Amino acid sequence: MGLLKEQIELLTLVRDAKITSAQLRALLGLDEDGRKAVADAIARTARAEAERLVREQGEERSNR
């Protein structure tokens, strides 16, 4: 995944999560390792949510 795409996805998650500008400044104040840890946690959470939605949709289809 390209860096620009990752940045766009991260900003989209930040926006959708309604993170305030103060919270974003705090995140940006982290060192490189801290920012990477937060970004990795967000990516894992987003993947888990996507997988959950796919499972739910599959269950709904099988219950029809």
Protein backbone atom coordinates (compact mmCIF):
# COMPACT_ATOMS: atom_id res chain seq x y z
CA MET A 1 0.00 0.00 0.00
CA GLY A 2 1.43 3.35 -0.93
CA LEU A 3 2.21 6.00 1.65
CA LEU A 4 -0.33 8.46 0.23
CA LYS A 5 -3.10 5.86 0.35
CA GLU A 6 -2.18 4.99 3.96
CA GLN A 7 -2.26 8.67 4.92
CA ILE A 8 -5.66 9.15 3.29
CA GLU A 9 -7.04 6.09 5.07
CA LEU A 10 -5.66 7.29 8.39
CA LEU A 11 -7.13 10.76 7.95
CA THR A 12 -10.45 9.22 6.98
CA LEU A 13 -10.44 7.12 10.14
CA VAL A 14 -9.54 10.19 12.21
CA ARG A 15 -12.38 12.16 10.65
CA ASP A 16 -14.90 9.35 11.01
CA ALA A 17 -13.87 8.80 14.62
CA LYS A 18 -14.53 12.49 15.28
CA ILE A 19 -11.08 13.00 16.75
CA THR A 20 -10.68 16.61 17.86
CA SER A 21 -7.88 18.88 16.73
CA ALA A 22 -6.43 18.76 20.27
CA GLN A 23 -6.41 14.96 20.16
CA LEU A 24 -4.82 14.99 16.71
CA ARG A 25 -2.11 17.42 17.87
CA ALA A 26 -1.37 15.06 20.78
CA LEU A 27 -1.05 12.15 18.36
CA LEU A 28 1.20 14.16 16.10
CA GLY A 29 3.36 15.07 19.09
CA LEU A 30 4.30 11.42 19.53
CA ASP A 31 7.69 10.22 18.44
CA GLU A 32 8.01 8.00 15.38
CA ASP A 33 7.57 4.77 17.36
CA GLY A 34 4.48 6.14 19.11
CA ARG A 35 2.91 7.28 15.83
CA LYS A 36 3.63 3.90 14.26
CA ALA A 37 2.07 2.09 17.22
CA VAL A 38 -1.08 4.21 16.97
CA ALA A 39 -1.26 3.80 13.18
CA ASP A 40 -0.83 0.03 13.50
CA ALA A 41 -3.56 -0.16 16.14
CA ILE A 42 -5.92 1.81 13.92
CA ALA A 43 -5.16 -0.39 10.92
CA ARG A 44 -5.75 -3.57 12.92
CA THR A 45 -9.02 -2.19 14.28
CA ALA A 46 -10.19 -1.18 10.80
CA ARG A 47 -9.38 -4.64 9.41
CA ALA A 48 -11.18 -6.35 12.29
CA GLU A 49 -14.24 -4.16 11.76
CA ALA A 50 -14.27 -4.88 8.03
CA GLU A 51 -14.01 -8.62 8.71
CA ARG A 52 -16.86 -8.38 11.24
CA LEU A 53 -19.08 -6.61 8.73
CA VAL A 54 -18.34 -9.24 6.08
CA ARG A 55 -19.22 -12.03 8.54
CA GLU A 56 -22.47 -10.29 9.50
CA GLN A 57 -23.45 -9.84 5.87
CA GLY A 58 -22.73 -13.51 5.20
CA GLU A 59 -24.87 -14.53 8.16
CA GLU A 60 -27.73 -12.30 6.98
CA ARG A 61 -27.60 -13.87 3.52
CA SER A 62 -27.58 -17.41 4.92
CA ASN A 63 -30.61 -16.64 7.11
CA ARG A 64 -32.78 -15.66 4.13
